[in-house]
N, C-alpha and C. Protein backbone atom coordinates (compact mmCIF):
# COMPACT_ATOMS: atom_id res chain seq x y z
N UNK A 1 -10.00 -28.36 -5.06
CA UNK A 1 -8.59 -27.92 -5.12
C UNK A 1 -8.52 -26.40 -5.17
N UNK A 2 -9.40 -25.79 -5.98
CA UNK A 2 -9.40 -24.35 -6.10
C UNK A 2 -9.76 -23.69 -4.78
N UNK A 3 -10.76 -24.24 -4.10
CA UNK A 3 -11.19 -23.65 -2.82
C UNK A 3 -10.09 -23.73 -1.79
N UNK A 4 -9.38 -24.87 -1.74
CA UNK A 4 -8.33 -25.02 -0.74
C UNK A 4 -7.18 -24.05 -1.03
N UNK A 5 -6.86 -23.84 -2.31
CA UNK A 5 -5.81 -22.88 -2.65
C UNK A 5 -6.22 -21.48 -2.22
N UNK A 6 -7.49 -21.13 -2.47
CA UNK A 6 -7.98 -19.81 -2.16
C UNK A 6 -7.94 -19.54 -0.67
N UNK A 7 -8.38 -20.48 0.13
CA UNK A 7 -8.34 -20.30 1.57
C UNK A 7 -6.90 -20.18 2.06
N UNK A 8 -6.02 -20.98 1.48
CA UNK A 8 -4.60 -20.90 1.87
C UNK A 8 -4.01 -19.55 1.49
N UNK A 9 -4.39 -19.06 0.32
CA UNK A 9 -3.87 -17.77 -0.14
C UNK A 9 -4.29 -16.65 0.81
N UNK A 10 -5.57 -16.67 1.20
CA UNK A 10 -6.05 -15.64 2.13
C UNK A 10 -5.33 -15.74 3.45
N UNK A 11 -5.15 -16.96 3.94
CA UNK A 11 -4.48 -17.15 5.23
C UNK A 11 -3.05 -16.63 5.18
N UNK A 12 -2.33 -16.96 4.11
CA UNK A 12 -0.94 -16.53 4.01
C UNK A 12 -0.83 -15.02 3.86
N UNK A 13 -1.74 -14.45 3.09
CA UNK A 13 -1.64 -13.02 2.80
C UNK A 13 -1.92 -12.17 4.02
N UNK A 14 -2.90 -12.54 4.82
CA UNK A 14 -3.32 -11.68 5.91
C UNK A 14 -2.83 -12.11 7.28
N UNK A 15 -2.50 -13.37 7.44
CA UNK A 15 -2.00 -13.82 8.73
C UNK A 15 -0.48 -13.82 8.75
N UNK A 16 0.13 -14.06 7.59
CA UNK A 16 1.57 -13.97 7.51
C UNK A 16 2.27 -15.23 7.96
N UNK A 17 1.72 -16.40 7.66
CA UNK A 17 2.30 -17.65 8.13
C UNK A 17 3.61 -17.97 7.40
N UNK A 18 3.80 -17.45 6.21
CA UNK A 18 5.01 -17.76 5.46
C UNK A 18 5.30 -16.61 4.50
N UNK A 19 6.57 -16.38 4.14
CA UNK A 19 6.90 -15.30 3.21
C UNK A 19 6.32 -15.56 1.83
N UNK A 20 5.84 -14.51 1.21
CA UNK A 20 5.31 -14.62 -0.14
C UNK A 20 6.08 -13.68 -1.06
N UNK A 21 6.31 -14.12 -2.27
CA UNK A 21 6.89 -13.23 -3.26
C UNK A 21 5.79 -12.33 -3.80
N UNK A 22 6.18 -11.31 -4.58
CA UNK A 22 5.19 -10.44 -5.19
C UNK A 22 4.22 -11.24 -6.04
N UNK A 23 4.73 -12.21 -6.82
CA UNK A 23 3.87 -13.00 -7.70
C UNK A 23 2.85 -13.81 -6.90
N UNK A 24 3.29 -14.45 -5.81
CA UNK A 24 2.37 -15.24 -4.99
C UNK A 24 1.32 -14.36 -4.33
N UNK A 25 1.76 -13.20 -3.84
CA UNK A 25 0.82 -12.28 -3.22
C UNK A 25 -0.18 -11.76 -4.25
N UNK A 26 0.30 -11.50 -5.46
CA UNK A 26 -0.59 -11.02 -6.51
C UNK A 26 -1.67 -12.05 -6.82
N UNK A 27 -1.30 -13.34 -6.83
CA UNK A 27 -2.28 -14.39 -7.09
C UNK A 27 -3.35 -14.41 -6.01
N UNK A 28 -2.94 -14.27 -4.76
CA UNK A 28 -3.90 -14.26 -3.66
C UNK A 28 -4.78 -13.03 -3.72
N UNK A 29 -4.18 -11.88 -4.01
CA UNK A 29 -4.94 -10.63 -4.08
C UNK A 29 -5.93 -10.68 -5.23
N UNK A 30 -5.51 -11.23 -6.38
CA UNK A 30 -6.39 -11.35 -7.53
C UNK A 30 -7.61 -12.20 -7.19
N UNK A 31 -7.40 -13.30 -6.47
CA UNK A 31 -8.52 -14.15 -6.07
C UNK A 31 -9.50 -13.38 -5.19
N UNK A 32 -8.94 -12.64 -4.21
CA UNK A 32 -9.80 -11.93 -3.27
C UNK A 32 -10.55 -10.78 -3.94
N UNK A 33 -9.91 -10.12 -4.91
CA UNK A 33 -10.59 -9.06 -5.64
C UNK A 33 -11.79 -9.64 -6.38
N UNK A 34 -11.59 -10.80 -7.00
CA UNK A 34 -12.65 -11.43 -7.75
C UNK A 34 -13.80 -11.90 -6.89
N UNK A 35 -13.54 -12.15 -5.62
CA UNK A 35 -14.57 -12.68 -4.74
C UNK A 35 -15.05 -11.66 -3.71
N UNK A 36 -14.57 -10.43 -3.82
CA UNK A 36 -15.03 -9.38 -2.93
C UNK A 36 -14.52 -9.48 -1.51
N UNK A 37 -13.54 -10.35 -1.27
CA UNK A 37 -13.07 -10.55 0.11
C UNK A 37 -12.32 -9.33 0.64
N UNK A 38 -11.60 -8.64 -0.24
CA UNK A 38 -10.89 -7.45 0.22
C UNK A 38 -11.87 -6.38 0.69
N UNK A 39 -12.93 -6.18 -0.07
CA UNK A 39 -13.89 -5.16 0.31
C UNK A 39 -14.62 -5.55 1.58
N UNK A 40 -14.91 -6.84 1.73
CA UNK A 40 -15.58 -7.30 2.94
C UNK A 40 -14.70 -7.09 4.15
N UNK A 41 -13.41 -7.41 4.00
CA UNK A 41 -12.48 -7.23 5.11
C UNK A 41 -12.33 -5.75 5.44
N UNK A 42 -12.19 -4.94 4.42
CA UNK A 42 -11.99 -3.50 4.65
C UNK A 42 -13.22 -2.86 5.26
N UNK A 43 -14.39 -3.46 5.06
CA UNK A 43 -15.61 -2.86 5.56
C UNK A 43 -15.91 -3.18 7.00
N UNK A 44 -15.14 -4.04 7.63
CA UNK A 44 -15.48 -4.49 8.97
C UNK A 44 -14.84 -3.68 10.06
N UNK A 45 -15.67 -3.09 10.94
CA UNK A 45 -15.17 -2.49 12.16
C UNK A 45 -14.58 -1.10 12.04
N UNK A 46 -14.57 -0.50 10.86
CA UNK A 46 -13.97 0.83 10.76
C UNK A 46 -15.06 1.89 10.74
N UNK A 47 -14.65 3.13 10.90
CA UNK A 47 -15.56 4.26 10.90
C UNK A 47 -15.97 4.56 9.47
N UNK A 48 -17.23 4.30 9.14
CA UNK A 48 -17.70 4.47 7.77
C UNK A 48 -17.54 5.91 7.29
N UNK A 49 -17.58 6.89 8.21
CA UNK A 49 -17.42 8.29 7.82
C UNK A 49 -16.05 8.54 7.19
N UNK A 50 -15.06 7.75 7.59
CA UNK A 50 -13.71 7.96 7.06
C UNK A 50 -13.58 7.51 5.61
N UNK A 51 -14.56 6.74 5.11
CA UNK A 51 -14.49 6.29 3.73
C UNK A 51 -14.43 7.47 2.76
N UNK A 52 -15.05 8.57 3.13
CA UNK A 52 -15.04 9.74 2.26
C UNK A 52 -13.63 10.31 2.11
N UNK A 53 -12.77 10.01 3.06
CA UNK A 53 -11.39 10.50 3.01
C UNK A 53 -10.46 9.58 2.22
N UNK A 54 -10.95 8.37 1.89
CA UNK A 54 -10.16 7.44 1.08
C UNK A 54 -10.51 7.70 -0.37
N UNK A 55 -9.66 8.43 -1.05
CA UNK A 55 -9.96 8.86 -2.41
C UNK A 55 -9.03 8.13 -3.39
N UNK A 56 -9.41 8.07 -4.67
CA UNK A 56 -8.52 7.44 -5.65
C UNK A 56 -7.16 8.11 -5.65
N UNK A 57 -6.11 7.35 -5.87
CA UNK A 57 -4.76 7.94 -5.88
C UNK A 57 -4.58 8.87 -7.06
N UNK A 58 -3.66 9.78 -6.91
CA UNK A 58 -3.30 10.66 -8.02
C UNK A 58 -2.53 9.85 -9.05
N UNK A 59 -2.87 10.03 -10.31
CA UNK A 59 -2.19 9.32 -11.40
C UNK A 59 -1.15 10.25 -12.01
N UNK A 60 0.11 9.83 -11.93
CA UNK A 60 1.23 10.64 -12.42
C UNK A 60 1.90 9.97 -13.61
N UNK A 61 2.54 10.78 -14.45
CA UNK A 61 3.42 10.28 -15.52
C UNK A 61 2.76 9.25 -16.42
N UNK A 62 1.50 9.46 -16.77
CA UNK A 62 0.77 8.44 -17.53
C UNK A 62 1.47 8.08 -18.83
N UNK A 63 1.98 9.06 -19.55
CA UNK A 63 2.54 8.79 -20.87
C UNK A 63 3.89 8.09 -20.82
N UNK A 64 4.63 8.24 -19.71
CA UNK A 64 5.98 7.70 -19.66
C UNK A 64 6.15 6.55 -18.66
N UNK A 65 5.66 6.76 -17.45
CA UNK A 65 5.81 5.74 -16.41
C UNK A 65 4.64 5.86 -15.44
N UNK A 66 3.47 5.29 -15.78
CA UNK A 66 2.28 5.46 -14.94
C UNK A 66 2.58 5.13 -13.47
N UNK A 67 2.19 6.06 -12.61
CA UNK A 67 2.48 5.95 -11.18
C UNK A 67 1.26 6.36 -10.38
N UNK A 68 0.96 5.59 -9.34
CA UNK A 68 -0.16 5.91 -8.45
C UNK A 68 0.40 6.46 -7.13
N UNK A 69 -0.11 7.59 -6.70
CA UNK A 69 0.41 8.27 -5.50
C UNK A 69 -0.62 8.21 -4.37
N UNK A 70 -0.15 7.76 -3.20
CA UNK A 70 -1.01 7.60 -2.02
C UNK A 70 -0.48 8.41 -0.84
N UNK A 71 -1.37 9.04 -0.07
CA UNK A 71 -0.94 9.72 1.16
C UNK A 71 -0.78 8.69 2.28
N UNK A 72 0.34 8.72 2.96
CA UNK A 72 0.60 7.67 3.95
C UNK A 72 1.29 8.22 5.20
N UNK A 73 1.26 7.38 6.21
CA UNK A 73 2.05 7.55 7.42
C UNK A 73 2.97 6.34 7.53
N UNK A 74 4.21 6.58 7.86
CA UNK A 74 5.15 5.48 8.04
C UNK A 74 5.61 5.45 9.50
N UNK A 75 5.64 4.26 10.06
CA UNK A 75 6.19 4.08 11.40
C UNK A 75 7.44 3.23 11.25
N UNK A 76 8.60 3.83 11.49
CA UNK A 76 9.86 3.11 11.28
C UNK A 76 10.40 2.50 12.56
N UNK A 77 9.64 2.61 13.66
CA UNK A 77 10.04 2.01 14.93
C UNK A 77 8.82 1.83 15.81
N UNK A 78 9.02 1.40 17.04
CA UNK A 78 7.90 1.15 17.93
C UNK A 78 7.44 2.41 18.65
N UNK A 79 8.18 3.51 18.51
CA UNK A 79 7.81 4.75 19.17
C UNK A 79 7.07 5.66 18.20
N UNK A 80 6.11 6.44 18.72
CA UNK A 80 5.39 7.39 17.88
C UNK A 80 6.32 8.50 17.37
N UNK A 81 7.49 8.65 18.00
CA UNK A 81 8.46 9.64 17.54
C UNK A 81 9.11 9.21 16.22
N UNK A 82 8.91 7.97 15.83
CA UNK A 82 9.50 7.48 14.58
C UNK A 82 8.57 7.68 13.38
N UNK A 83 7.44 8.33 13.60
CA UNK A 83 6.44 8.51 12.55
C UNK A 83 6.85 9.61 11.56
N UNK A 84 6.64 9.30 10.27
CA UNK A 84 6.78 10.32 9.23
C UNK A 84 5.54 10.27 8.34
N UNK A 85 5.35 11.32 7.55
CA UNK A 85 4.19 11.42 6.67
C UNK A 85 4.66 11.86 5.29
N UNK A 86 4.01 11.33 4.28
CA UNK A 86 4.41 11.73 2.94
C UNK A 86 3.67 10.97 1.86
N UNK A 87 4.30 10.88 0.69
CA UNK A 87 3.68 10.27 -0.49
C UNK A 87 4.34 8.93 -0.80
N UNK A 88 3.51 7.92 -0.99
CA UNK A 88 4.00 6.62 -1.46
C UNK A 88 3.61 6.48 -2.92
N UNK A 89 4.60 6.46 -3.79
CA UNK A 89 4.38 6.33 -5.23
C UNK A 89 4.65 4.90 -5.66
N UNK A 90 3.66 4.30 -6.30
CA UNK A 90 3.79 2.92 -6.76
C UNK A 90 3.66 2.88 -8.27
N UNK A 91 4.64 2.30 -8.94
CA UNK A 91 4.57 2.09 -10.38
C UNK A 91 4.72 0.59 -10.66
N UNK A 92 4.77 0.24 -11.91
CA UNK A 92 4.87 -1.18 -12.26
C UNK A 92 6.15 -1.80 -11.75
N UNK A 93 7.21 -1.00 -11.63
CA UNK A 93 8.52 -1.54 -11.28
C UNK A 93 9.13 -0.95 -10.01
N UNK A 94 8.46 0.03 -9.40
CA UNK A 94 9.14 0.78 -8.34
C UNK A 94 8.18 1.16 -7.21
N UNK A 95 8.75 1.28 -6.01
CA UNK A 95 8.04 1.85 -4.86
C UNK A 95 8.91 2.99 -4.33
N UNK A 96 8.34 4.18 -4.25
CA UNK A 96 9.10 5.35 -3.80
C UNK A 96 8.35 6.04 -2.66
N UNK A 97 9.07 6.34 -1.59
CA UNK A 97 8.47 7.07 -0.48
C UNK A 97 9.18 8.41 -0.32
N UNK A 98 8.39 9.50 -0.34
CA UNK A 98 8.92 10.85 -0.17
C UNK A 98 8.38 11.43 1.12
N UNK A 99 9.25 11.73 2.06
CA UNK A 99 8.84 12.31 3.33
C UNK A 99 8.53 13.80 3.15
N UNK A 100 7.34 14.20 3.59
CA UNK A 100 6.94 15.60 3.54
C UNK A 100 7.00 16.23 4.93
N UNK A 101 6.63 15.45 5.94
CA UNK A 101 6.61 15.95 7.31
C UNK A 101 7.11 14.86 8.26
N UNK A 102 8.00 15.19 9.18
CA UNK A 102 8.64 16.50 9.36
C UNK A 102 9.83 16.67 8.40
N UNK A 103 10.19 17.91 8.14
CA UNK A 103 11.30 18.20 7.23
C UNK A 103 12.60 17.57 7.71
N UNK A 104 12.75 17.46 9.02
CA UNK A 104 14.01 16.96 9.57
C UNK A 104 14.25 15.49 9.26
N UNK A 105 13.20 14.79 8.79
CA UNK A 105 13.34 13.36 8.50
C UNK A 105 13.25 13.06 7.01
N UNK A 106 13.52 14.06 6.19
CA UNK A 106 13.42 13.89 4.74
C UNK A 106 14.30 12.75 4.23
N UNK A 107 15.42 12.51 4.91
CA UNK A 107 16.34 11.47 4.46
C UNK A 107 15.79 10.06 4.65
N UNK A 108 14.67 9.93 5.35
CA UNK A 108 14.09 8.61 5.56
C UNK A 108 13.26 8.14 4.35
N UNK A 109 13.17 8.98 3.33
CA UNK A 109 12.53 8.55 2.10
C UNK A 109 13.38 7.50 1.40
N UNK A 110 12.79 6.78 0.46
CA UNK A 110 13.54 5.73 -0.24
C UNK A 110 12.91 5.43 -1.59
N UNK A 111 13.64 4.68 -2.37
CA UNK A 111 13.20 4.26 -3.70
C UNK A 111 13.66 2.81 -3.88
N UNK A 112 12.72 1.88 -4.01
CA UNK A 112 13.07 0.46 -4.11
C UNK A 112 12.45 -0.16 -5.36
N UNK A 113 13.23 -0.85 -6.17
CA UNK A 113 12.64 -1.62 -7.26
C UNK A 113 11.70 -2.70 -6.69
N UNK A 114 10.57 -2.91 -7.32
CA UNK A 114 9.61 -3.89 -6.81
C UNK A 114 10.19 -5.30 -6.73
N UNK A 115 11.19 -5.59 -7.56
CA UNK A 115 11.78 -6.92 -7.52
C UNK A 115 12.52 -7.16 -6.21
N UNK A 116 12.80 -6.10 -5.47
CA UNK A 116 13.45 -6.25 -4.17
C UNK A 116 12.47 -6.08 -3.00
N UNK A 117 11.19 -6.10 -3.31
CA UNK A 117 10.14 -6.03 -2.29
C UNK A 117 9.55 -7.43 -2.11
N UNK A 118 9.53 -7.90 -0.86
CA UNK A 118 9.03 -9.24 -0.59
C UNK A 118 7.99 -9.23 0.52
N UNK A 119 7.06 -10.15 0.41
CA UNK A 119 6.09 -10.44 1.46
C UNK A 119 5.18 -9.26 1.81
N UNK A 120 4.66 -8.53 0.82
CA UNK A 120 3.75 -7.43 1.17
C UNK A 120 2.41 -7.97 1.65
N UNK A 121 1.92 -7.44 2.75
CA UNK A 121 0.63 -7.89 3.27
C UNK A 121 0.06 -6.85 4.21
N UNK A 122 -1.23 -6.94 4.44
CA UNK A 122 -1.89 -6.14 5.48
C UNK A 122 -2.27 -7.11 6.59
N UNK A 123 -1.82 -6.82 7.79
CA UNK A 123 -2.08 -7.71 8.91
C UNK A 123 -0.85 -8.54 9.24
N UNK A 124 -0.89 -9.15 10.43
CA UNK A 124 0.21 -10.02 10.83
C UNK A 124 1.18 -9.39 11.81
N UNK A 125 1.07 -8.06 12.03
CA UNK A 125 1.92 -7.40 13.01
C UNK A 125 1.10 -7.14 14.27
N UNK A 126 1.55 -7.63 15.41
CA UNK A 126 0.78 -7.47 16.64
C UNK A 126 0.64 -6.00 17.04
N UNK A 127 1.65 -5.20 16.73
CA UNK A 127 1.63 -3.79 17.14
C UNK A 127 1.01 -2.88 16.08
N UNK A 128 0.75 -3.42 14.89
CA UNK A 128 0.14 -2.63 13.82
C UNK A 128 -0.70 -3.55 12.94
N UNK A 129 -1.81 -4.09 13.47
CA UNK A 129 -2.57 -5.12 12.75
C UNK A 129 -3.26 -4.64 11.48
N UNK A 130 -3.42 -3.32 11.34
CA UNK A 130 -4.07 -2.81 10.13
C UNK A 130 -3.13 -2.13 9.17
N UNK A 131 -1.83 -2.36 9.34
CA UNK A 131 -0.84 -1.68 8.50
C UNK A 131 -0.37 -2.57 7.35
N UNK A 132 0.04 -1.93 6.28
CA UNK A 132 0.72 -2.61 5.18
C UNK A 132 2.19 -2.72 5.53
N UNK A 133 2.74 -3.91 5.42
CA UNK A 133 4.17 -4.05 5.69
C UNK A 133 4.80 -5.02 4.70
N UNK A 134 6.08 -4.80 4.46
CA UNK A 134 6.83 -5.64 3.52
C UNK A 134 8.31 -5.52 3.85
N UNK A 135 9.10 -6.38 3.23
CA UNK A 135 10.54 -6.34 3.42
C UNK A 135 11.19 -5.72 2.18
N UNK A 136 12.08 -4.76 2.41
CA UNK A 136 12.83 -4.16 1.32
C UNK A 136 14.29 -4.55 1.45
N UNK A 137 14.88 -5.06 0.38
CA UNK A 137 16.24 -5.60 0.44
C UNK A 137 17.28 -4.68 -0.17
N UNK A 138 16.88 -3.49 -0.60
CA UNK A 138 17.85 -2.60 -1.24
C UNK A 138 17.86 -1.22 -0.61
N UNK A 139 17.71 -1.18 0.70
CA UNK A 139 17.82 0.09 1.42
C UNK A 139 19.20 0.11 2.05
N UNK A 140 20.18 0.64 1.35
CA UNK A 140 21.56 0.55 1.80
C UNK A 140 21.98 -0.90 1.66
N UNK A 141 22.60 -1.44 2.70
CA UNK A 141 23.06 -2.82 2.65
C UNK A 141 22.28 -3.71 3.62
N UNK A 142 21.17 -3.20 4.15
CA UNK A 142 20.47 -3.99 5.15
C UNK A 142 19.04 -4.29 4.73
N UNK A 143 18.54 -5.39 5.25
CA UNK A 143 17.16 -5.79 5.04
C UNK A 143 16.29 -5.05 6.05
N UNK A 144 15.19 -4.44 5.59
CA UNK A 144 14.34 -3.67 6.48
C UNK A 144 12.90 -4.09 6.33
N UNK A 145 12.20 -4.10 7.45
CA UNK A 145 10.75 -4.25 7.40
C UNK A 145 10.16 -2.85 7.36
N UNK A 146 9.29 -2.60 6.40
CA UNK A 146 8.75 -1.27 6.17
C UNK A 146 7.25 -1.32 6.42
N UNK A 147 6.75 -0.33 7.13
CA UNK A 147 5.36 -0.34 7.57
C UNK A 147 4.67 0.98 7.23
N UNK A 148 3.51 0.89 6.56
CA UNK A 148 2.75 2.07 6.16
C UNK A 148 1.27 1.93 6.53
N UNK A 149 0.62 3.06 6.71
CA UNK A 149 -0.83 3.14 6.86
C UNK A 149 -1.31 4.26 5.96
N UNK A 150 -2.35 4.00 5.20
CA UNK A 150 -2.97 5.07 4.41
C UNK A 150 -3.45 6.15 5.37
N UNK A 151 -3.11 7.41 5.08
CA UNK A 151 -3.54 8.50 5.94
C UNK A 151 -3.75 9.75 5.11
N UNK A 152 -4.98 10.29 5.08
CA UNK A 152 -5.24 11.51 4.31
C UNK A 152 -4.31 12.65 4.73
N UNK A 153 -3.98 13.49 3.78
CA UNK A 153 -3.00 14.55 4.02
C UNK A 153 -3.42 15.49 5.15
N UNK A 154 -4.73 15.69 5.32
CA UNK A 154 -5.19 16.62 6.35
C UNK A 154 -4.89 16.11 7.76
N UNK A 155 -4.54 14.82 7.89
CA UNK A 155 -4.23 14.27 9.20
C UNK A 155 -2.74 14.10 9.44
N UNK A 156 -1.93 14.49 8.48
CA UNK A 156 -0.48 14.39 8.66
C UNK A 156 -0.06 15.25 9.85
N UNK A 157 0.78 14.69 10.68
CA UNK A 157 1.30 15.41 11.83
C UNK A 157 0.40 15.39 13.04
N UNK A 158 -0.74 14.67 12.96
CA UNK A 158 -1.70 14.67 14.06
C UNK A 158 -1.85 13.32 14.75
N UNK A 159 -0.97 12.37 14.44
CA UNK A 159 -1.01 11.07 15.11
C UNK A 159 0.09 11.05 16.16
N UNK A 160 -0.31 11.22 17.41
CA UNK A 160 0.67 11.38 18.49
C UNK A 160 0.60 10.29 19.56
N UNK A 161 -0.45 9.49 19.54
CA UNK A 161 -0.63 8.49 20.59
C UNK A 161 -0.88 7.12 19.98
N UNK A 162 -0.69 6.10 20.79
CA UNK A 162 -0.98 4.74 20.34
C UNK A 162 -2.44 4.60 19.96
N UNK A 163 -3.32 5.26 20.70
CA UNK A 163 -4.75 5.18 20.41
C UNK A 163 -5.08 5.78 19.06
N UNK A 164 -4.49 6.94 18.75
CA UNK A 164 -4.78 7.58 17.45
C UNK A 164 -4.17 6.77 16.31
N UNK A 165 -3.02 6.13 16.54
CA UNK A 165 -2.42 5.27 15.52
C UNK A 165 -3.30 4.06 15.26
N UNK A 166 -3.84 3.46 16.33
CA UNK A 166 -4.73 2.31 16.19
C UNK A 166 -6.00 2.71 15.44
N UNK A 167 -6.55 3.87 15.78
CA UNK A 167 -7.76 4.34 15.11
C UNK A 167 -7.51 4.58 13.62
N UNK A 168 -6.36 5.15 13.29
CA UNK A 168 -6.05 5.42 11.89
C UNK A 168 -5.96 4.12 11.09
N UNK A 169 -5.35 3.11 11.67
CA UNK A 169 -5.27 1.81 10.99
C UNK A 169 -6.67 1.27 10.68
N UNK A 170 -7.54 1.37 11.67
CA UNK A 170 -8.90 0.85 11.51
C UNK A 170 -9.71 1.69 10.52
N UNK A 171 -9.65 3.01 10.68
CA UNK A 171 -10.50 3.89 9.90
C UNK A 171 -10.13 3.93 8.42
N UNK A 172 -8.84 3.74 8.12
CA UNK A 172 -8.39 3.88 6.73
C UNK A 172 -7.89 2.57 6.15
N UNK A 173 -8.37 1.46 6.69
CA UNK A 173 -7.88 0.16 6.21
C UNK A 173 -8.23 -0.05 4.74
N UNK A 174 -9.33 0.53 4.28
CA UNK A 174 -9.68 0.37 2.86
C UNK A 174 -8.62 1.01 1.98
N UNK A 175 -8.14 2.19 2.37
CA UNK A 175 -7.07 2.83 1.61
C UNK A 175 -5.78 2.05 1.66
N UNK A 176 -5.48 1.46 2.82
CA UNK A 176 -4.26 0.65 2.95
C UNK A 176 -4.33 -0.57 2.04
N UNK A 177 -5.49 -1.18 1.94
CA UNK A 177 -5.65 -2.32 1.03
C UNK A 177 -5.49 -1.92 -0.43
N UNK A 178 -5.92 -0.71 -0.76
CA UNK A 178 -5.76 -0.25 -2.14
C UNK A 178 -4.28 -0.14 -2.50
N UNK A 179 -3.46 0.25 -1.55
CA UNK A 179 -2.01 0.31 -1.80
C UNK A 179 -1.47 -1.10 -2.02
N UNK A 180 -1.92 -2.05 -1.22
CA UNK A 180 -1.49 -3.43 -1.40
C UNK A 180 -1.82 -3.93 -2.79
N UNK A 181 -3.02 -3.63 -3.26
CA UNK A 181 -3.42 -4.04 -4.61
C UNK A 181 -2.49 -3.41 -5.65
N UNK A 182 -2.16 -2.14 -5.49
CA UNK A 182 -1.27 -1.47 -6.45
C UNK A 182 0.10 -2.13 -6.48
N UNK A 183 0.59 -2.57 -5.33
CA UNK A 183 1.91 -3.19 -5.27
C UNK A 183 1.92 -4.59 -5.84
N UNK A 184 0.81 -5.28 -5.79
CA UNK A 184 0.79 -6.68 -6.19
C UNK A 184 0.07 -6.93 -7.52
N UNK A 185 -0.76 -6.00 -7.95
CA UNK A 185 -1.50 -6.16 -9.20
C UNK A 185 -1.69 -4.76 -9.80
N UNK A 186 -0.58 -4.18 -10.24
CA UNK A 186 -0.56 -2.77 -10.60
C UNK A 186 -1.56 -2.41 -11.69
N UNK A 187 -1.66 -3.21 -12.73
CA UNK A 187 -2.55 -2.86 -13.83
C UNK A 187 -4.01 -2.87 -13.39
N UNK A 188 -4.38 -3.77 -12.50
CA UNK A 188 -5.75 -3.76 -11.97
C UNK A 188 -6.02 -2.48 -11.20
N UNK A 189 -5.03 -2.05 -10.40
CA UNK A 189 -5.18 -0.80 -9.65
C UNK A 189 -5.30 0.37 -10.61
N UNK A 190 -4.51 0.35 -11.67
CA UNK A 190 -4.55 1.42 -12.66
C UNK A 190 -5.89 1.43 -13.39
N UNK A 191 -6.42 0.25 -13.70
CA UNK A 191 -7.74 0.15 -14.34
C UNK A 191 -8.82 0.81 -13.50
N UNK A 192 -8.74 0.64 -12.18
CA UNK A 192 -9.77 1.20 -11.30
C UNK A 192 -9.69 2.72 -11.23
N UNK A 193 -8.51 3.27 -11.47
CA UNK A 193 -8.33 4.73 -11.42
C UNK A 193 -8.67 5.36 -12.77
N UNK A 194 -8.23 4.72 -13.85
CA UNK A 194 -8.44 5.25 -15.20
C UNK A 194 -8.69 4.08 -16.15
N UNK A 195 -9.96 3.71 -16.35
CA UNK A 195 -10.28 2.53 -17.17
C UNK A 195 -9.77 2.61 -18.61
N UNK A 196 -9.50 3.81 -19.11
CA UNK A 196 -9.05 3.93 -20.51
C UNK A 196 -7.58 4.34 -20.60
N UNK A 197 -6.81 4.04 -19.56
CA UNK A 197 -5.42 4.49 -19.54
C UNK A 197 -4.62 3.90 -20.70
N UNK A 198 -4.92 2.66 -21.09
CA UNK A 198 -4.17 2.05 -22.20
C UNK A 198 -4.36 2.84 -23.49
N UNK A 199 -5.61 3.24 -23.75
CA UNK A 199 -5.87 4.01 -24.96
C UNK A 199 -5.21 5.39 -24.88
N UNK A 200 -5.21 5.97 -23.69
CA UNK A 200 -4.59 7.30 -23.53
C UNK A 200 -3.08 7.21 -23.70
N UNK A 201 -2.47 6.14 -23.20
CA UNK A 201 -1.03 5.98 -23.38
C UNK A 201 -0.71 5.76 -24.85
N UNK A 202 -1.53 4.95 -25.52
CA UNK A 202 -1.32 4.71 -26.95
C UNK A 202 -1.45 5.97 -27.76
N UNK A 203 -2.43 6.82 -27.39
CA UNK A 203 -2.61 8.08 -28.10
C UNK A 203 -1.46 9.03 -27.90
N UNK A 204 -0.95 9.05 -26.67
CA UNK A 204 0.19 9.92 -26.37
C UNK A 204 1.42 9.50 -27.15
N UNK A 205 1.64 8.18 -27.23
CA UNK A 205 2.81 7.68 -27.98
C UNK A 205 2.67 7.97 -29.47
N UNK A 206 1.41 7.92 -29.97
CA UNK A 206 1.20 8.17 -31.39
C UNK A 206 1.48 9.61 -31.79
N UNK A 207 1.41 10.52 -30.78
CA UNK A 207 1.66 11.92 -31.07
C UNK A 207 3.14 12.28 -31.00
N UNK A 208 3.94 11.37 -30.46
CA UNK A 208 5.38 11.65 -30.33
C UNK A 208 6.08 11.62 -31.68
């Protein structure tokens, strides 16, 4: 029974056969973390040299609202002209995207409570098979599919062709999976960045 659930979880998470809530996706991600499946998937077919560019996220606001910050590229349409670059901040309750480049698209940033984020997964999009995508239900009054790829800051503004976009998805898929883990199992992601964060938060509160 356990094996069949696990296989189903992997299939749903990465193939996208059915919508998953954050809780369901977290269960699938937790299973894969425990069995090394995420690392195995992330290790296949990408440029190993790019692994050096996938670094731990910056940890912000530890004492008040722990947040993990990732460098990303967002594609909001099928054209490369729809690409923006910036910071994706993930906390226990929120997902925030801040556009850094280009300045003219700063308004495309957003802030969504995680309770309004559904079906986060890597894979399942024919035009972006290595991208993280999810549905956000609180961007104005419309439902939007949101698509991100982990991209080191030094490469912001340099993805101009379909080939370079495809290469970025492949080369940085490990970083993209780390964002998925943060969105679906935040405390596990936080543990990997700062194993003693609980003690540090407790100490900070004790000094207040």
